C-alpha atoms as a PDB file:
ATOM      1  CA  MET A   1       1.759   6.835 -18.157  1.00  0.00           C
ATOM      2  CA  SER A   2      -0.813  10.335 -17.923  1.00  0.00           C
ATOM      3  CA  LEU A   3      -0.598  12.952 -15.028  1.00  0.00           C
ATOM      4  CA  GLN A   4      -4.467  11.767 -14.617  1.00  0.00           C
ATOM      5  CA  THR A   5      -3.015   8.408 -13.503  1.00  0.00           C
ATOM      6  CA  PHE A   6      -0.147   9.534 -11.767  1.00  0.00           C
ATOM      7  CA  GLY A   7      -2.398  11.642  -9.716  1.00  0.00           C
ATOM      8  CA  THR A   8      -5.306   8.085  -9.137  1.00  0.00           C
ATOM      9  CA  LEU A   9      -2.629   5.756  -8.687  1.00  0.00           C
ATOM     10  CA  LEU A  10      -0.566   8.243  -6.105  1.00  0.00           C
ATOM     11  CA  ILE A  11      -2.790  10.090  -3.803  1.00  0.00           C
ATOM     12  CA  ASN A  12      -6.055   9.124  -4.470  1.00  0.00           C
ATOM     13  CA  ILE A  13      -7.648  12.094  -5.758  1.00  0.00           C
ATOM     14  CA  GLN A  14     -10.143  12.132  -8.106  1.00  0.00           C
ATOM     15  CA  LEU A  15      -9.471  14.976 -10.326  1.00  0.00           C
ATOM     16  CA  THR A  16     -12.526  17.185 -11.632  1.00  0.00           C
ATOM     17  CA  CYS A  17     -10.210  19.561 -13.911  1.00  0.00           C
ATOM     18  CA  SER A  18     -11.697  19.581 -17.192  1.00  0.00           C
ATOM     19  CA  THR A  19      -9.220  21.040 -18.681  1.00  0.00           C
ATOM     20  CA  THR A  20      -6.740  18.538 -20.891  1.00  0.00           C
ATOM     21  CA  PHE A  21      -3.624  17.833 -18.337  1.00  0.00           C
ATOM     22  CA  SER A  22      -0.467  18.093 -20.274  1.00  0.00           C
ATOM     23  CA  ARG A  23       2.906  17.384 -18.204  1.00  0.00           C
ATOM     24  CA  SER A  24       5.747  19.197 -17.283  1.00  0.00           C
ATOM     25  CA  ALA A  25       8.740  17.162 -15.734  1.00  0.00           C
ATOM     26  CA  LEU A  26      11.617  19.431 -14.672  1.00  0.00           C
ATOM     27  CA  LEU A  27      14.503  17.542 -13.026  1.00  0.00           C
ATOM     28  CA  LEU A  28      15.863  19.705 -10.043  1.00  0.00           C
ATOM     29  CA  HIS A  29      18.293  18.610  -7.330  1.00  0.00           C
ATOM     30  CA  GLY A  30      16.551  15.004  -7.839  1.00  0.00           C
ATOM     31  CA  VAL A  31      13.024  16.271  -7.869  1.00  0.00           C
ATOM     32  CA  HIS A  32      10.461  15.667 -10.621  1.00  0.00           C
ATOM     33  CA  LEU A  33       8.068  18.299 -10.857  1.00  0.00           C
ATOM     34  CA  LEU A  34       4.943  17.613 -12.481  1.00  0.00           C
ATOM     35  CA  LEU A  35       2.240  20.118 -13.262  1.00  0.00           C
ATOM     36  CA  CYS A  36      -1.564  19.478 -13.897  1.00  0.00           C
ATOM     37  CA  LEU A  37      -2.021  23.001 -15.948  1.00  0.00           C
ATOM     38  CA  SER A  38      -4.833  24.976 -13.931  1.00  0.00           C
ATOM     39  CA  CYS A  39      -5.575  22.049 -11.411  1.00  0.00           C
ATOM     40  CA  LEU A  40      -2.683  20.417  -8.861  1.00  0.00           C
ATOM     41  CA  VAL A  41       0.841  20.063  -8.402  1.00  0.00           C
ATOM     42  CA  PHE A  42       2.754  16.932  -7.646  1.00  0.00           C
ATOM     43  CA  LEU A  43       6.373  16.426  -6.000  1.00  0.00           C
ATOM     44  CA  ILE A  44       7.815  12.990  -7.414  1.00  0.00           C
ATOM     45  CA  LEU A  45      11.199  12.712  -6.016  1.00  0.00           C
ATOM     46  CA  VAL A  46      14.211  10.605  -7.379  1.00  0.00           C
ATOM     47  CA  GLY A  47      16.767   8.339  -5.732  1.00  0.00           C
ATOM     48  CA  LEU A  48      17.301   7.286  -2.731  1.00  0.00           C
ATOM     49  CA  SER A  49      20.846   6.036  -3.111  1.00  0.00           C
ATOM     50  CA  GLU A  50      22.617   5.690   0.635  1.00  0.00           C
ATOM     51  CA  LYS A  51      19.383   6.908   1.837  1.00  0.00           C
ATOM     52  CA  VAL A  52      16.951   4.889   4.498  1.00  0.00           C
ATOM     53  CA  LEU A  53      12.908   5.307   4.687  1.00  0.00           C
ATOM     54  CA  VAL A  54      12.055   5.888   8.523  1.00  0.00           C
ATOM     55  CA  PHE A  55       8.654   4.838   9.316  1.00  0.00           C
ATOM     56  CA  PRO A  56       8.485   6.126  12.874  1.00  0.00           C
ATOM     57  CA  TYR A  57       4.703   5.845  14.209  1.00  0.00           C
ATOM     58  CA  GLU A  58       2.422   3.363  13.610  1.00  0.00           C
ATOM     59  CA  THR A  59      -0.071   5.381  11.437  1.00  0.00           C
ATOM     60  CA  ASP A  60      -3.691   4.703   9.238  1.00  0.00           C
ATOM     61  CA  PHE A  61      -1.747   7.195   6.400  1.00  0.00           C
ATOM     62  CA  SER A  62       1.820   7.355   6.420  1.00  0.00           C
ATOM     63  CA  PHE A  63       3.243   5.279   3.363  1.00  0.00           C
ATOM     64  CA  VAL A  64       5.469   6.032   0.067  1.00  0.00           C
ATOM     65  CA  ALA A  65       4.540   5.091  -3.353  1.00  0.00           C
ATOM     66  CA  LEU A  66       6.838   3.833  -5.629  1.00  0.00           C
ATOM     67  CA  ILE A  67       6.606   4.203  -9.643  1.00  0.00           C
ATOM     68  CA  PRO A  68       7.663   1.387 -11.286  1.00  0.00           C
ATOM     69  CA  GLN A  69       9.737   1.642 -14.178  1.00  0.00           C
ATOM     70  CA  LYS A  70       7.901  -0.422 -16.292  1.00  0.00           C
ATOM     71  CA  GLU A  71       4.108  -1.655 -16.134  1.00  0.00           C
ATOM     72  CA  MET A  72       4.345  -4.754 -13.880  1.00  0.00           C
ATOM     73  CA  GLU A  73       2.942  -7.355 -15.943  1.00  0.00           C
ATOM     74  CA  LEU A  74       4.710  -9.909 -14.501  1.00  0.00           C
ATOM     75  CA  ARG A  75       5.381 -14.093 -15.023  1.00  0.00           C
ATOM     76  CA  ALA A  76       8.413 -13.978 -12.670  1.00  0.00           C
ATOM     77  CA  PHE A  77      10.424 -11.134 -10.466  1.00  0.00           C
ATOM     78  CA  THR A  78      13.000 -10.843  -7.889  1.00  0.00           C
ATOM     79  CA  LEU A  79      12.290  -8.228  -5.003  1.00  0.00           C
ATOM     80  CA  CYS A  80      15.142  -7.106  -2.394  1.00  0.00           C
ATOM     81  CA  MET A  81      15.293  -5.028   0.263  1.00  0.00           C
ATOM     82  CA  ARG A  82      16.828  -4.252   3.456  1.00  0.00           C
ATOM     83  CA  VAL A  83      14.476  -4.289   6.429  1.00  0.00           C
ATOM     84  CA  ALA A  84      14.668  -3.875  10.192  1.00  0.00           C
ATOM     85  CA  THR A  85      11.785  -3.272  12.935  1.00  0.00           C
ATOM     86  CA  GLU A  86      11.323  -3.084  16.903  1.00  0.00           C
ATOM     87  CA  LEU A  87       7.486  -4.569  16.458  1.00  0.00           C
ATOM     88  CA  PRO A  88       6.737  -7.600  18.248  1.00  0.00           C
ATOM     89  CA  GLU A  89       6.215 -10.945  16.517  1.00  0.00           C
ATOM     90  CA  GLU A  90       2.979 -10.710  17.164  1.00  0.00           C
ATOM     91  CA  ARG A  91       2.187  -8.064  15.659  1.00  0.00           C
ATOM     92  CA  GLN A  92       0.855  -8.197  11.652  1.00  0.00           C
ATOM     93  CA  ILE A  93       3.097  -6.116   9.393  1.00  0.00           C
ATOM     94  CA  ILE A  94       2.960  -5.145   5.440  1.00  0.00           C
ATOM     95  CA  LEU A  95       6.141  -5.099   4.017  1.00  0.00           C
ATOM     96  CA  PHE A  96       5.069  -4.514   0.309  1.00  0.00           C
ATOM     97  CA  ALA A  97       1.951  -4.066  -1.278  1.00  0.00           C
ATOM     98  CA  TYR A  98       1.168  -3.881  -4.893  1.00  0.00           C
ATOM     99  CA  ARG A  99      -2.609  -3.620  -5.906  1.00  0.00           C
ATOM    100  CA  THR A 100      -4.972  -2.696  -8.748  1.00  0.00           C
ATOM    101  CA  ALA A 101      -8.183  -2.126  -8.750  1.00  0.00           C
ATOM    102  CA  ASP A 102     -10.037  -5.338  -7.908  1.00  0.00           C
ATOM    103  CA  TYR A 103      -6.792  -7.424  -6.732  1.00  0.00           C
ATOM    104  CA  ASP A 104      -4.156  -7.579  -4.029  1.00  0.00           C
ATOM    105  CA  GLU A 105      -1.915  -8.392  -7.078  1.00  0.00           C
ATOM    106  CA  LEU A 106       1.244  -9.035  -4.615  1.00  0.00           C
ATOM    107  CA  ASN A 107       1.726  -8.747  -0.869  1.00  0.00           C
ATOM    108  CA  VAL A 108       4.427  -9.511   1.470  1.00  0.00           C
ATOM    109  CA  TRP A 109       3.677  -9.649   4.877  1.00  0.00           C
ATOM    110  CA  ARG A 110       5.122 -10.695   8.203  1.00  0.00           C
ATOM    111  CA  GLU A 111       2.517 -12.676   9.953  1.00  0.00           C
ATOM    112  CA  LYS A 112       1.225 -12.406  13.500  1.00  0.00           C
ATOM    113  CA  ASP A 113       2.462 -16.146  14.132  1.00  0.00           C
ATOM    114  CA  GLY A 114       6.052 -14.735  12.917  1.00  0.00           C
ATOM    115  CA  ARG A 115       5.936 -16.674   9.450  1.00  0.00           C
ATOM    116  CA  VAL A 116       6.736 -13.879   6.200  1.00  0.00           C
ATOM    117  CA  SER A 117       3.537 -14.718   3.515  1.00  0.00           C
ATOM    118  CA  LEU A 118       3.295 -13.931   0.077  1.00  0.00           C
ATOM    119  CA  SER A 119       0.244 -13.350  -1.496  1.00  0.00           C
ATOM    120  CA  MET A 120      -0.880 -12.974  -5.178  1.00  0.00           C
ATOM    121  CA  SER A 121      -4.532 -12.427  -6.083  1.00  0.00           C
ATOM    122  CA  GLY A 122      -5.704 -14.811  -3.601  1.00  0.00           C
ATOM    123  CA  ASP A 123      -4.317 -17.351  -0.504  1.00  0.00           C
ATOM    124  CA  GLY A 124      -0.810 -16.911   0.366  1.00  0.00           C
ATOM    125  CA  ILE A 125       1.925 -19.286   1.030  1.00  0.00           C
ATOM    126  CA  PHE A 126       3.877 -18.888   4.536  1.00  0.00           C
ATOM    127  CA  PHE A 127       7.747 -19.361   5.262  1.00  0.00           C
ATOM    128  CA  HIS A 128       9.226 -20.065   8.529  1.00  0.00           C
ATOM    129  CA  LEU A 129      11.886 -17.644   8.476  1.00  0.00           C
ATOM    130  CA  PRO A 130      14.602 -15.813  11.151  1.00  0.00           C
ATOM    131  CA  PRO A 131      12.439 -13.132  12.517  1.00  0.00           C
ATOM    132  CA  LEU A 132      12.836  -9.161  11.849  1.00  0.00           C
ATOM    133  CA  THR A 133      14.486  -7.563  14.296  1.00  0.00           C
ATOM    134  CA  THR A 134      15.818  -4.003  15.154  1.00  0.00           C
ATOM    135  CA  PHE A 135      19.294  -5.315  13.201  1.00  0.00           C
ATOM    136  CA  ARG A 136      18.639  -4.845   9.289  1.00  0.00           C
ATOM    137  CA  SER A 137      18.209  -8.141   7.453  1.00  0.00           C
ATOM    138  CA  SER A 138      18.353  -8.483   3.890  1.00  0.00           C
ATOM    139  CA  LEU A 139      15.157  -9.933   2.471  1.00  0.00           C
ATOM    140  CA  CYS A 140      14.654 -11.103  -0.843  1.00  0.00           C
ATOM    141  CA  LEU A 141      11.824 -13.064  -2.650  1.00  0.00           C
ATOM    142  CA  THR A 142      11.932 -14.898  -6.488  1.00  0.00           C
ATOM    143  CA  TRP A 143       8.938 -16.336  -8.062  1.00  0.00           C
ATOM    144  CA  GLU A 144       8.075 -17.098 -11.901  1.00  0.00           C
ATOM    145  CA  SER A 145       5.516 -18.494 -13.208  1.00  0.00           C
ATOM    146  CA  ARG A 146       6.676 -21.403 -15.420  1.00  0.00           C
ATOM    147  CA  THR A 147       7.266 -23.873 -12.631  1.00  0.00           C
ATOM    148  CA  GLY A 148       5.434 -21.532  -9.738  1.00  0.00           C
ATOM    149  CA  LEU A 149       8.875 -22.231  -7.773  1.00  0.00           C
ATOM    150  CA  THR A 150       9.172 -19.519  -5.207  1.00  0.00           C
ATOM    151  CA  ALA A 151      11.595 -18.692  -2.440  1.00  0.00           C
ATOM    152  CA  PHE A 152      12.671 -16.252   0.183  1.00  0.00           C
ATOM    153  CA  TRP A 153      16.221 -15.307   0.455  1.00  0.00           C
ATOM    154  CA  VAL A 154      17.534 -14.276   4.353  1.00  0.00           C
ATOM    155  CA  ASP A 155      21.018 -12.721   4.019  1.00  0.00           C
ATOM    156  CA  GLY A 156      22.070 -14.487   1.465  1.00  0.00           C
ATOM    157  CA  LYS A 157      20.429 -17.898   2.271  1.00  0.00           C
ATOM    158  CA  ARG A 158      17.572 -19.371   0.962  1.00  0.00           C
ATOM    159  CA  SER A 159      14.648 -21.118   2.075  1.00  0.00           C
ATOM    160  CA  THR A 160      13.297 -24.368   0.691  1.00  0.00           C
ATOM    161  CA  TYR A 161      11.252 -24.058  -2.268  1.00  0.00           C
ATOM    162  CA  GLN A 162       7.718 -24.181  -2.162  1.00  0.00           C
ATOM    163  CA  VAL A 163       5.269 -24.387  -5.564  1.00  0.00           C
ATOM    164  CA  TYR A 164       2.493 -21.205  -5.752  1.00  0.00           C
ATOM    165  CA  LYS A 165       0.259 -20.311  -8.645  1.00  0.00           C
ATOM    166  CA  PRO A 166       2.260 -21.747 -11.474  1.00  0.00           C
ATOM    167  CA  GLY A 167       0.950 -20.125 -14.512  1.00  0.00           C
ATOM    168  CA  HIS A 168      -0.159 -17.230 -12.704  1.00  0.00           C
ATOM    169  CA  SER A 169       0.676 -13.844 -14.019  1.00  0.00           C
ATOM    170  CA  ILE A 170       0.727 -10.714 -12.272  1.00  0.00           C
ATOM    171  CA  ARG A 171      -1.751  -7.836 -14.046  1.00  0.00           C
ATOM    172  CA  PRO A 172      -0.598  -4.458 -14.354  1.00  0.00           C
ATOM    173  CA  LYS A 173      -1.934  -0.815 -13.961  1.00  0.00           C
ATOM    174  CA  GLY A 174      -1.867  -1.047 -10.407  1.00  0.00           C
ATOM    175  CA  THR A 175      -0.408   0.983  -7.317  1.00  0.00           C
ATOM    176  CA  VAL A 176       3.029  -0.073  -5.012  1.00  0.00           C
ATOM    177  CA  LEU A 177       2.792   1.022  -1.323  1.00  0.00           C
ATOM    178  CA  LEU A 178       5.562   0.600   1.480  1.00  0.00           C
ATOM    179  CA  GLY A 179       4.125   0.968   4.780  1.00  0.00           C
ATOM    180  CA  GLN A 180       0.760   0.739   4.185  1.00  0.00           C
ATOM    181  CA  ASP A 181      -1.686  -2.027   2.652  1.00  0.00           C
ATOM    182  CA  PRO A 182      -4.823  -0.986   1.171  1.00  0.00           C
ATOM    183  CA  ASP A 183      -7.597  -2.913   1.528  1.00  0.00           C
ATOM    184  CA  LYS A 184      -8.809  -1.237  -1.967  1.00  0.00           C
ATOM    185  CA  HIS A 185      -7.522   0.677  -4.546  1.00  0.00           C
ATOM    186  CA  LEU A 186      -5.717   3.208  -2.049  1.00  0.00           C
ATOM    187  CA  GLY A 187      -7.957   2.984   0.593  1.00  0.00           C
ATOM    188  CA  GLY A 188      -9.092   1.236   3.695  1.00  0.00           C
ATOM    189  CA  LEU A 189      -5.252   1.867   5.550  1.00  0.00           C
ATOM    190  CA  GLU A 190      -5.305  -0.210   8.686  1.00  0.00           C
ATOM    191  CA  ALA A 191      -2.896   1.426  11.493  1.00  0.00           C
ATOM    192  CA  MET A 192      -2.562  -2.006  13.381  1.00  0.00           C
ATOM    193  CA  GLN A 193      -1.192  -3.666   9.637  1.00  0.00           C
ATOM    194  CA  SER A 194       0.851  -0.557   9.216  1.00  0.00           C
ATOM    195  CA  PHE A 195       4.915  -1.043   8.737  1.00  0.00           C
ATOM    196  CA  VAL A 196       6.908   0.649  11.798  1.00  0.00           C
ATOM    197  CA  GLY A 197      10.995   0.426  11.097  1.00  0.00           C
ATOM    198  CA  GLU A 198      13.553   1.018   8.384  1.00  0.00           C
ATOM    199  CA  VAL A 199      13.511  -0.298   4.732  1.00  0.00           C
ATOM    200  CA  THR A 200      16.369   0.731   2.597  1.00  0.00           C
ATOM    201  CA  ASP A 201      17.757  -0.909  -0.918  1.00  0.00           C
ATOM    202  CA  LEU A 202      14.641  -2.009  -2.722  1.00  0.00           C
ATOM    203  CA  ASN A 203      15.503  -3.200  -5.747  1.00  0.00           C
ATOM    204  CA  MET A 204      13.052  -5.217  -8.033  1.00  0.00           C
ATOM    205  CA  TRP A 205      13.457  -7.413 -11.331  1.00  0.00           C
ATOM    206  CA  ASP A 206      11.425  -8.977 -13.735  1.00  0.00           C
ATOM    207  CA  SER A 207      13.390 -12.108 -13.561  1.00  0.00           C
ATOM    208  CA  VAL A 208      14.722 -14.659 -10.982  1.00  0.00           C
ATOM    209  CA  LEU A 209      18.388 -13.728 -10.097  1.00  0.00           C
ATOM    210  CA  SER A 210      20.611 -16.125  -9.835  1.00  0.00           C
ATOM    211  CA  ARG A 211      22.002 -17.331  -6.226  1.00  0.00           C
ATOM    212  CA  SER A 212      24.992 -15.535  -7.026  1.00  0.00           C
ATOM    213  CA  MET A 213      23.697 -12.372  -7.938  1.00  0.00           C
ATOM    214  CA  ILE A 214      21.197 -12.691  -4.919  1.00  0.00           C
ATOM    215  CA  GLN A 215      24.609 -12.835  -2.466  1.00  0.00           C
ATOM    216  CA  ALA A 216      26.523 -10.449  -4.281  1.00  0.00           C
ATOM    217  CA  TRP A 217      23.339  -7.832  -3.495  1.00  0.00           C
ATOM    218  CA  HIS A 218      23.413  -9.187   0.098  1.00  0.00           C
ATOM    219  CA  TYR A 219      27.307  -7.976   0.206  1.00  0.00           C
ATOM    220  CA  GLY A 220      26.784  -4.932  -0.963  1.00  0.00           C
ATOM    221  CA  HIS A 221      28.676  -5.795  -3.939  1.00  0.00           C
ATOM    222  CA  LYS A 222      27.545  -4.303  -7.646  1.00  0.00           C
ATOM    223  CA  VAL A 223      25.023  -6.021  -9.321  1.00  0.00           C
ATOM    224  CA  LEU A 224      22.508  -5.486 -12.385  1.00  0.00           C
ATOM    225  CA  LYS A 225      20.042  -3.123 -11.597  1.00  0.00           C
ATOM    226  CA  GLY A 226      16.680  -3.447 -11.244  1.00  0.00           C
ATOM    227  CA  ASN A 227      14.652  -3.044 -14.217  1.00  0.00           C
ATOM    228  CA  ILE A 228      11.325  -2.535 -12.284  1.00  0.00           C
ATOM    229  CA  PHE A 229      12.553  -0.670  -9.361  1.00  0.00           C
ATOM    230  CA  ASP A 230      16.069   0.566  -8.832  1.00  0.00           C
ATOM    231  CA  TRP A 231      16.906   2.145  -5.323  1.00  0.00           C
ATOM    232  CA  SER A 232      19.465   4.869  -6.931  1.00  0.00           C
ATOM    233  CA  SER A 233      17.086   5.945  -9.293  1.00  0.00           C
ATOM    234  CA  ILE A 234      13.032   5.473  -7.825  1.00  0.00           C
ATOM    235  CA  GLU A 235      10.983   7.613  -8.074  1.00  0.00           C
ATOM    236  CA  TYR A 236       8.435   7.733  -5.002  1.00  0.00           C
ATOM    237  CA  GLN A 237       6.175  10.221  -3.308  1.00  0.00           C
ATOM    238  CA  LEU A 238       6.064  10.367   0.355  1.00  0.00           C
ATOM    239  CA  ASN A 239       2.954  10.378   2.528  1.00  0.00           C
ATOM    240  CA  GLY A 240       2.320  11.221   6.005  1.00  0.00           C
ATOM    241  CA  ASN A 241       5.017  10.714   8.715  1.00  0.00           C
ATOM    242  CA  VAL A 242       7.358   9.290   6.404  1.00  0.00           C
ATOM    243  CA  MET A 243      11.386  10.111   7.145  1.00  0.00           C
ATOM    244  CA  VAL A 244      14.411  10.130   4.873  1.00  0.00           C
ATOM    245  CA  VAL A 245      17.442   9.906   6.211  1.00  0.00           C
ATOM    246  CA  HIS A 246      21.033   9.242   5.258  1.00  0.00           C
ATOM    247  CA  ASP A 247      22.334   5.512   5.700  1.00  0.00           C
ATOM    248  CA  ASP A 248      25.318   5.878   8.374  1.00  0.00           C
END
């Protein structure tokens, strides 16, 4: 991915520098320094092993942009994270947002009525799950295009299957955010939809993991590293009031 693409997708700055951009990647104590010659400097942080992202306040500007290890052109996936929040159930919360220029490709929400939803380029599908609380929950989501079978997993236990968008494909070239839902490509952020709480151990695979692997991940056992996002080596950018703290 070019530096210009990084700039557009991650921080929504329209680069006006007419110089041909080049990327110089320096790994310095877990930080990739991306240099745009004669223009701008971007810091891409690397790796969150034994770390937690803390979103302490409701804002319309705090988020974490995640850089996938491969293009998110997907016909199946497993997304897992550990999450905690004290926001009331009647408050809508964005848990994961992936948007291309024109579509919300993959959004996960805690809805105002307490249900958890998945939406991909249109109307969503809703699940009644145990509530998210101040105590950390292990949350996974699986979907495959061939059958449309979709399920959430909470603390290693699977919900009932629902069928959602069989034959659908998730499109690449988008932006992944934690903490905010962009109503347009990295714009239109709303404080009342923002996430407040903690997120850790986010991993994503381009396949549906087996029950045994999801349960092993829940219990903290070693599993196959995510080939889209791997928490221990994930590349990310902090924006606004987001803290990275040791997971104690």
